[in-house]
Amino acid sequence: MESLDILSQTVGKQLQDAEQILVTAESCTGGAVAALITDVAGSSQWFERAFVTYSNEAKQTMIGVQKATLEAYGAVSEPVVQEMAAGALVASNGTIAVAISGIAGPGGGTAQKPVGTVCFAWQDTSGWQCVSTQHFQGDRREVRAQAVCFALQTLSDYLEKNKE
């Protein structure tokens, strides 16, 4: 867990240096990214709010995910997390967002989307967008921990690459 603590501190410094304000939209991780970020002292300087949108209804009412998108692709899909990230930015004062939706298990998987499938989207107000689908191994706790790590590491990589 220490590596996640170090990663969240690094991301916090990077967000502060970049004058970015993070907002999260989380489903399968249940707010774990937000919790890890806010464990860092001073996080109010770079973290605005979190949306834990575990149900499809919450995704629709809190951050504007379209019912048609959910019906066409399912909650665990790149189109849905893209709408989650965009909606989180619209519904907040954030400047950069991460969205996560997945199947942490032990049930809920299918042949097309097995347990461990997690979709991610990142977006900022400058127009940058990134989406990714990952397939993690392990039990529910391990899948969720890997998802949090991947979300923060990708954000860190982007911020590092785009330093001014």
Protein backbone atom coordinates (compact mmCIF):
# COMPACT_ATOMS: atom_id res chain seq x y z
CA MET A 1 0.00 0.00 0.00
CA GLU A 2 2.96 2.31 0.53
CA SER A 3 3.49 2.57 -3.21
CA LEU A 4 -0.08 3.81 -3.66
CA ASP A 5 0.50 6.38 -0.93
CA ILE A 6 3.65 7.59 -2.69
CA LEU A 7 1.84 7.64 -6.04
CA SER A 8 -1.03 9.71 -4.63
CA GLN A 9 1.46 12.19 -3.14
CA THR A 10 3.24 12.42 -6.49
CA VAL A 11 -0.02 12.99 -8.35
CA GLY A 12 -1.01 15.66 -5.84
CA LYS A 13 2.23 17.55 -6.37
CA GLN A 14 1.89 17.20 -10.14
CA LEU A 15 -1.70 18.47 -10.07
CA GLN A 16 -0.68 21.42 -7.92
CA ASP A 17 2.30 22.25 -10.14
CA ALA A 18 0.09 22.04 -13.24
CA GLU A 19 -2.63 24.11 -11.55
CA GLN A 20 -5.10 21.32 -12.27
CA ILE A 21 -8.06 20.41 -10.07
CA LEU A 22 -9.01 16.72 -10.08
CA VAL A 23 -12.54 15.34 -10.04
CA THR A 24 -13.30 11.62 -10.00
CA ALA A 25 -16.22 9.54 -11.25
CA GLU A 26 -15.91 6.04 -9.83
CA SER A 27 -18.02 2.94 -10.02
CA CYS A 28 -16.24 -0.34 -9.22
CA THR A 29 -13.59 1.39 -7.11
CA GLY A 30 -16.25 2.95 -4.88
CA GLY A 31 -14.40 6.22 -4.31
CA ALA A 32 -11.02 4.61 -3.60
CA VAL A 33 -9.16 7.01 -5.91
CA ALA A 34 -10.75 9.98 -4.16
CA ALA A 35 -9.99 8.51 -0.75
CA LEU A 36 -6.35 7.96 -1.62
CA ILE A 37 -5.98 11.49 -3.04
CA THR A 38 -7.60 13.06 0.01
CA ASP A 39 -5.33 11.11 2.35
CA VAL A 40 -2.63 13.56 1.24
CA ALA A 41 -2.41 16.70 3.37
CA GLY A 42 -3.24 19.81 1.35
CA SER A 43 -5.33 17.93 -1.20
CA SER A 44 -7.98 20.65 -1.18
CA GLN A 45 -5.52 22.55 -3.39
CA TRP A 46 -5.84 19.99 -6.21
CA PHE A 47 -8.97 17.95 -5.54
CA GLU A 48 -12.49 19.27 -6.05
CA ARG A 49 -14.99 16.43 -5.59
CA ALA A 50 -15.83 12.81 -6.23
CA PHE A 51 -18.83 11.13 -7.75
CA VAL A 52 -19.38 7.52 -6.69
CA THR A 53 -21.80 6.40 -9.37
CA TYR A 54 -22.16 2.72 -8.64
CA SER A 55 -25.61 2.29 -10.19
CA ASN A 56 -26.64 3.11 -13.73
CA GLU A 57 -29.22 5.54 -12.32
CA ALA A 58 -26.48 7.39 -10.41
CA LYS A 59 -24.38 7.59 -13.58
CA GLN A 60 -27.33 9.18 -15.36
CA THR A 61 -28.63 11.55 -12.69
CA MET A 62 -25.35 12.70 -11.14
CA ILE A 63 -23.06 13.06 -14.16
CA GLY A 64 -25.29 12.85 -17.23
CA VAL A 65 -24.41 9.47 -18.71
CA GLN A 66 -26.99 8.80 -21.41
CA LYS A 67 -29.41 5.90 -20.93
CA ALA A 68 -28.92 5.02 -24.60
CA THR A 69 -25.16 4.69 -24.09
CA LEU A 70 -25.66 2.40 -21.10
CA GLU A 71 -28.16 0.28 -23.04
CA ALA A 72 -25.98 0.06 -26.14
CA TYR A 73 -22.62 -0.65 -24.50
CA GLY A 74 -23.22 -1.56 -20.85
CA ALA A 75 -21.87 0.22 -17.78
CA VAL A 76 -18.44 -1.36 -18.23
CA SER A 77 -17.47 0.18 -21.54
CA GLU A 78 -15.29 2.91 -22.95
CA PRO A 79 -18.23 5.00 -24.23
CA VAL A 80 -19.74 5.04 -20.72
CA VAL A 81 -16.53 6.04 -18.94
CA GLN A 82 -15.97 8.76 -21.54
CA GLU A 83 -19.39 10.17 -20.67
CA MET A 84 -18.62 9.77 -16.96
CA ALA A 85 -15.41 11.80 -17.25
CA ALA A 86 -17.05 14.50 -19.36
CA GLY A 87 -20.06 14.65 -17.04
CA ALA A 88 -17.88 14.91 -13.93
CA LEU A 89 -16.14 17.94 -15.41
CA VAL A 90 -19.46 19.57 -16.29
CA ALA A 91 -20.91 18.89 -12.82
CA SER A 92 -17.91 20.26 -10.93
CA ASN A 93 -15.23 22.93 -10.80
CA GLY A 94 -12.60 20.38 -11.78
CA THR A 95 -10.20 20.82 -14.69
CA ILE A 96 -9.18 17.18 -15.06
CA ALA A 97 -11.20 14.02 -14.50
CA VAL A 98 -10.73 10.31 -14.18
CA ALA A 99 -13.62 7.86 -14.58
CA ILE A 100 -13.61 4.15 -13.76
CA SER A 101 -16.17 1.38 -14.30
CA GLY A 102 -15.48 -2.32 -14.11
CA ILE A 103 -16.23 -5.80 -12.91
CA ALA A 104 -14.32 -6.44 -9.69
CA GLY A 105 -15.97 -9.80 -9.00
CA PRO A 106 -16.31 -12.37 -7.82
CA GLY A 107 -19.50 -12.44 -9.91
CA GLY A 108 -20.83 -10.31 -12.73
CA GLY A 109 -18.41 -11.32 -15.46
CA THR A 110 -19.34 -12.62 -18.89
CA ALA A 111 -17.39 -14.21 -21.73
CA GLN A 112 -17.10 -10.78 -23.40
CA LYS A 113 -16.38 -8.91 -20.15
CA PRO A 114 -14.80 -11.27 -17.62
CA VAL A 115 -14.20 -10.42 -13.97
CA GLY A 116 -11.24 -8.07 -13.84
CA THR A 117 -12.35 -5.99 -16.85
CA VAL A 118 -12.05 -2.31 -15.98
CA CYS A 119 -12.62 0.67 -18.29
CA PHE A 120 -10.99 4.04 -17.68
CA ALA A 121 -11.31 7.53 -19.14
CA TRP A 122 -9.34 10.67 -18.41
CA GLN A 123 -10.24 14.10 -19.72
CA ASP A 124 -9.28 17.67 -19.06
CA THR A 125 -10.70 21.03 -19.95
CA SER A 126 -8.01 21.64 -22.59
CA GLY A 127 -9.49 18.86 -24.73
CA TRP A 128 -7.18 15.97 -23.81
CA GLN A 129 -8.92 12.62 -23.60
CA CYS A 130 -7.65 9.10 -23.06
CA VAL A 131 -9.52 5.81 -22.72
CA SER A 132 -8.31 2.35 -21.82
CA THR A 133 -9.70 -1.06 -20.98
CA GLN A 134 -7.61 -3.29 -18.75
CA HIS A 135 -7.98 -6.88 -17.61
CA PHE A 136 -6.73 -7.35 -14.06
CA GLN A 137 -6.23 -10.61 -12.21
CA GLY A 138 -7.03 -11.46 -8.60
CA ASP A 139 -9.86 -11.22 -6.16
CA ARG A 140 -12.18 -8.24 -5.74
CA ARG A 141 -9.79 -6.35 -3.47
CA GLU A 142 -6.84 -6.95 -5.82
CA VAL A 143 -8.76 -5.91 -8.94
CA ARG A 144 -9.87 -2.70 -7.27
CA ALA A 145 -6.35 -1.92 -6.01
CA GLN A 146 -4.88 -2.49 -9.48
CA ALA A 147 -7.57 -0.23 -10.98
CA VAL A 148 -6.77 2.58 -8.54
CA CYS A 149 -3.05 2.24 -9.25
CA PHE A 150 -3.58 2.23 -13.03
CA ALA A 151 -5.85 5.30 -12.86
CA LEU A 152 -3.35 7.29 -10.82
CA GLN A 153 -0.29 6.12 -12.75
CA THR A 154 -1.84 7.08 -16.09
CA LEU A 155 -2.77 10.48 -14.68
CA SER A 156 0.76 10.90 -13.32
CA ASP A 157 2.29 9.93 -16.68
CA TYR A 158 0.13 12.49 -18.49
CA LEU A 159 0.97 15.26 -16.03
CA GLU A 160 4.68 14.45 -16.20
CA LYS A 161 4.65 14.44 -19.98
CA ASN A 162 2.86 17.78 -20.15
CA LYS A 163 4.87 19.78 -17.64
CA GLU A 164 5.53 23.30 -18.77
